[in-house]
PDB file of N, CA and C in Angstrom:
ATOM      1  N   UNK A   1     135.647 100.734 216.951  1.00  0.00           N
ATOM      2  CA  UNK A   1     135.694  99.311 216.610  1.00  0.00           C
ATOM      3  C   UNK A   1     134.827  98.502 217.580  1.00  0.00           C
ATOM      4  N   UNK A   2     135.044  98.688 218.884  1.00  0.00           N
ATOM      5  CA  UNK A   2     134.249  97.956 219.873  1.00  0.00           C
ATOM      6  C   UNK A   2     132.781  98.337 219.765  1.00  0.00           C
ATOM      7  N   UNK A   3     132.503  99.611 219.491  1.00  0.00           N
ATOM      8  CA  UNK A   3     131.119 100.067 219.374  1.00  0.00           C
ATOM      9  C   UNK A   3     130.428  99.399 218.178  1.00  0.00           C
ATOM     10  N   UNK A   4     131.159  99.204 217.089  1.00  0.00           N
ATOM     11  CA  UNK A   4     130.594  98.537 215.909  1.00  0.00           C
ATOM     12  C   UNK A   4     130.268  97.079 216.230  1.00  0.00           C
ATOM     13  N   UNK A   5     131.131  96.423 216.982  1.00  0.00           N
ATOM     14  CA  UNK A   5     130.881  95.026 217.367  1.00  0.00           C
ATOM     15  C   UNK A   5     129.654  94.950 218.276  1.00  0.00           C
ATOM     16  N   UNK A   6     129.530  95.893 219.205  1.00  0.00           N
ATOM     17  CA  UNK A   6     128.364  95.914 220.090  1.00  0.00           C
ATOM     18  C   UNK A   6     127.076  96.132 219.297  1.00  0.00           C
ATOM     19  N   UNK A   7     127.137  97.046 218.325  1.00  0.00           N
ATOM     20  CA  UNK A   7     125.945  97.292 217.500  1.00  0.00           C
ATOM     21  C   UNK A   7     125.562  96.049 216.706  1.00  0.00           C
ATOM     22  N   UNK A   8     126.557  95.373 216.156  1.00  0.00           N
ATOM     23  CA  UNK A   8     126.288  94.159 215.383  1.00  0.00           C
ATOM     24  C   UNK A   8     125.688  93.075 216.276  1.00  0.00           C
ATOM     25  N   UNK A   9     126.233  92.924 217.488  1.00  0.00           N
ATOM     26  CA  UNK A   9     125.711  91.917 218.421  1.00  0.00           C
ATOM     27  C   UNK A   9     124.284  92.269 218.826  1.00  0.00           C
ATOM     28  N   UNK A  10     124.011  93.540 219.048  1.00  0.00           N
ATOM     29  CA  UNK A  10     122.664  93.972 219.412  1.00  0.00           C
ATOM     30  C   UNK A  10     121.691  93.714 218.271  1.00  0.00           C
ATOM     31  N   UNK A  11     122.116  93.998 217.041  1.00  0.00           N
ATOM     32  CA  UNK A  11     121.255  93.764 215.885  1.00  0.00           C
ATOM     33  C   UNK A  11     120.967  92.271 215.706  1.00  0.00           C
ATOM     34  N   UNK A  12     121.989  91.439 215.869  1.00  0.00           N
ATOM     35  CA  UNK A  12     121.786  89.987 215.754  1.00  0.00           C
ATOM     36  C   UNK A  12     120.860  89.473 216.853  1.00  0.00           C
ATOM     37  N   UNK A  13     121.057  89.972 218.060  1.00  0.00           N
ATOM     38  CA  UNK A  13     120.196  89.552 219.172  1.00  0.00           C
ATOM     39  C   UNK A  13     118.755  89.975 218.959  1.00  0.00           C
ATOM     40  N   UNK A  14     118.562  91.204 218.482  1.00  0.00           N
ATOM     41  CA  UNK A  14     117.201  91.677 218.232  1.00  0.00           C
ATOM     42  C   UNK A  14     116.547  90.850 217.126  1.00  0.00           C
ATOM     43  N   UNK A  15     117.301  90.542 216.079  1.00  0.00           N
ATOM     44  CA  UNK A  15     116.759  89.720 214.995  1.00  0.00           C
ATOM     45  C   UNK A  15     116.397  88.322 215.468  1.00  0.00           C
ATOM     46  N   UNK A  16     117.254  87.742 216.300  1.00  0.00           N
ATOM     47  CA  UNK A  16     116.971  86.405 216.837  1.00  0.00           C
ATOM     48  C   UNK A  16     115.741  86.430 217.735  1.00  0.00           C
ATOM     49  N   UNK A  17     115.597  87.490 218.534  1.00  0.00           N
ATOM     50  CA  UNK A  17     114.434  87.597 219.424  1.00  0.00           C
ATOM     51  C   UNK A  17     113.145  87.730 218.616  1.00  0.00           C
ATOM     52  N   UNK A  18     113.174  88.534 217.566  1.00  0.00           N
ATOM     53  CA  UNK A  18     111.980  88.696 216.733  1.00  0.00           C
ATOM     54  C   UNK A  18     111.644  87.393 216.016  1.00  0.00           C
ATOM     55  N   UNK A  19     112.665  86.709 215.503  1.00  0.00           N
ATOM     56  CA  UNK A  19     112.432  85.436 214.822  1.00  0.00           C
ATOM     57  C   UNK A  19     111.851  84.398 215.779  1.00  0.00           C
ATOM     58  N   UNK A  20     112.375  84.338 217.000  1.00  0.00           N
ATOM     59  CA  UNK A  20     111.854  83.386 217.988  1.00  0.00           C
ATOM     60  C   UNK A  20     110.416  83.720 218.347  1.00  0.00           C
ATOM     61  N   UNK A  21     110.116  85.007 218.506  1.00  0.00           N
ATOM     62  CA  UNK A  21     108.751  85.420 218.839  1.00  0.00           C
ATOM     63  C   UNK A  21     107.774  85.015 217.738  1.00  0.00           C
ATOM     64  N   UNK A  22     108.153  85.277 216.482  1.00  0.00           N
ATOM     65  CA  UNK A  22     107.267  84.933 215.377  1.00  0.00           C
ATOM     66  C   UNK A  22     107.102  83.431 215.245  1.00  0.00           C
ATOM     67  N   UNK A  23     108.182  82.679 215.504  1.00  0.00           N
ATOM     68  CA  UNK A  23     108.100  81.217 215.399  1.00  0.00           C
ATOM     69  C   UNK A  23     107.213  80.633 216.498  1.00  0.00           C
ATOM     70  N   UNK A  24     107.348  81.147 217.718  1.00  0.00           N
ATOM     71  CA  UNK A  24     106.539  80.630 218.823  1.00  0.00           C
ATOM     72  C   UNK A  24     105.083  81.048 218.686  1.00  0.00           C
ATOM     73  N   UNK A  25     104.864  82.216 218.121  1.00  0.00           N
ATOM     74  CA  UNK A  25     103.507  82.723 217.974  1.00  0.00           C
ATOM     75  C   UNK A  25     102.746  81.929 216.930  1.00  0.00           C
ATOM     76  N   UNK A  26     103.412  81.491 215.898  1.00  0.00           N
ATOM     77  CA  UNK A  26     102.769  80.704 214.849  1.00  0.00           C
ATOM     78  C   UNK A  26     102.001  81.586 213.894  1.00  0.00           C
ATOM     79  N   UNK A  27     101.415  80.953 212.910  1.00  0.00           N
ATOM     80  CA  UNK A  27     100.693  81.712 211.895  1.00  0.00           C
ATOM     81  C   UNK A  27      99.356  82.195 212.442  1.00  0.00           C
ATOM     82  N   UNK A  28      98.692  81.377 213.274  1.00  0.00           N
ATOM     83  CA  UNK A  28      97.432  81.775 213.874  1.00  0.00           C
ATOM     84  C   UNK A  28      96.258  81.778 212.924  1.00  0.00           C
ATOM     85  N   UNK A  29      96.481  81.411 211.677  1.00  0.00           N
ATOM     86  CA  UNK A  29      95.396  81.426 210.708  1.00  0.00           C
ATOM     87  C   UNK A  29      94.656  80.106 210.666  1.00  0.00           C
ATOM     88  N   UNK A  30      93.534  80.118 209.992  1.00  0.00           N
ATOM     89  CA  UNK A  30      92.749  78.897 209.806  1.00  0.00           C
ATOM     90  C   UNK A  30      93.255  78.227 208.532  1.00  0.00           C
ATOM     91  N   UNK A  31      93.538  76.926 208.582  1.00  0.00           N
ATOM     92  CA  UNK A  31      94.007  76.260 207.367  1.00  0.00           C
ATOM     93  C   UNK A  31      92.934  76.292 206.278  1.00  0.00           C
ATOM     94  N   UNK A  32      93.324  76.256 205.030  1.00  0.00           N
ATOM     95  CA  UNK A  32      92.342  76.323 203.949  1.00  0.00           C
ATOM     96  C   UNK A  32      91.361  75.162 204.013  1.00  0.00           C
ATOM     97  N   UNK A  33      90.098  75.458 203.784  1.00  0.00           N
ATOM     98  CA  UNK A  33      89.048  74.439 203.850  1.00  0.00           C
ATOM     99  C   UNK A  33      88.767  73.827 202.479  1.00  0.00           C
ATOM    100  N   UNK A  34      89.351  74.368 201.433  1.00  0.00           N
ATOM    101  CA  UNK A  34      89.146  73.833 200.093  1.00  0.00           C
ATOM    102  C   UNK A  34      90.504  73.634 199.430  1.00  0.00           C
ATOM    103  N   UNK A  35      90.481  72.967 198.301  1.00  0.00           N
ATOM    104  CA  UNK A  35      91.728  72.736 197.587  1.00  0.00           C
ATOM    105  C   UNK A  35      92.254  71.345 197.858  1.00  0.00           C
ATOM    106  N   UNK A  36      93.541  71.171 197.758  1.00  0.00           N
ATOM    107  CA  UNK A  36      94.142  69.860 197.968  1.00  0.00           C
ATOM    108  C   UNK A  36      94.458  69.198 196.640  1.00  0.00           C
ATOM    109  N   UNK A  37      94.476  67.857 196.661  1.00  0.00           N
ATOM    110  CA  UNK A  37      94.800  67.114 195.452  1.00  0.00           C
ATOM    111  C   UNK A  37      93.627  67.152 194.501  1.00  0.00           C
ATOM    112  N   UNK A  38      93.939  67.159 193.220  1.00  0.00           N
ATOM    113  CA  UNK A  38      92.901  67.070 192.213  1.00  0.00           C
ATOM    114  C   UNK A  38      93.385  66.178 191.082  1.00  0.00           C
ATOM    115  N   UNK A  39      92.439  65.534 190.429  1.00  0.00           N
ATOM    116  CA  UNK A  39      92.757  64.612 189.337  1.00  0.00           C
ATOM    117  C   UNK A  39      93.184  65.419 188.102  1.00  0.00           C
ATOM    118  N   UNK A  40      94.270  64.983 187.486  1.00  0.00           N
ATOM    119  CA  UNK A  40      94.729  65.626 186.268  1.00  0.00           C
ATOM    120  C   UNK A  40      94.374  64.776 185.068  1.00  0.00           C
ATOM    121  N   UNK A  41      93.973  65.427 183.995  1.00  0.00           N
ATOM    122  CA  UNK A  41      93.669  64.668 182.777  1.00  0.00           C
ATOM    123  C   UNK A  41      94.931  64.583 181.926  1.00  0.00           C
ATOM    124  N   UNK A  42      95.036  63.490 181.222  1.00  0.00           N
ATOM    125  CA  UNK A  42      96.197  63.296 180.368  1.00  0.00           C
ATOM    126  C   UNK A  42      96.570  61.824 180.291  1.00  0.00           C
ATOM    127  N   UNK A  43      97.593  61.500 179.521  1.00  0.00           N
ATOM    128  CA  UNK A  43      98.000  60.089 179.375  1.00  0.00           C
ATOM    129  C   UNK A  43      98.546  59.525 180.687  1.00  0.00           C
ATOM    130  N   UNK A  44      98.254  58.250 180.931  1.00  0.00           N
ATOM    131  CA  UNK A  44      98.763  57.599 182.139  1.00  0.00           C
ATOM    132  C   UNK A  44     100.263  57.337 181.981  1.00  0.00           C
ATOM    133  N   UNK A  45     100.991  57.481 183.064  1.00  0.00           N
ATOM    134  CA  UNK A  45     102.439  57.266 183.060  1.00  0.00           C
ATOM    135  C   UNK A  45     102.731  55.921 183.728  1.00  0.00           C
ATOM    136  N   UNK A  46     102.496  54.792 183.036  1.00  0.00           N
ATOM    137  CA  UNK A  46     102.733  53.465 183.619  1.00  0.00           C
ATOM    138  C   UNK A  46     104.143  53.023 183.402  1.00  0.00           C
TER     139      UNK A  46
END
């Protein structure tokens, strides 16, 4: 019983550490240089 609780705590701690590492590291990618808003054709919604 105690061993199962220790394993669960270790798994939660490892998951939290990995999540924190990935969050602090960031995506590291270059944001897209194209795209964004575009005009849509169709009836105006006044």
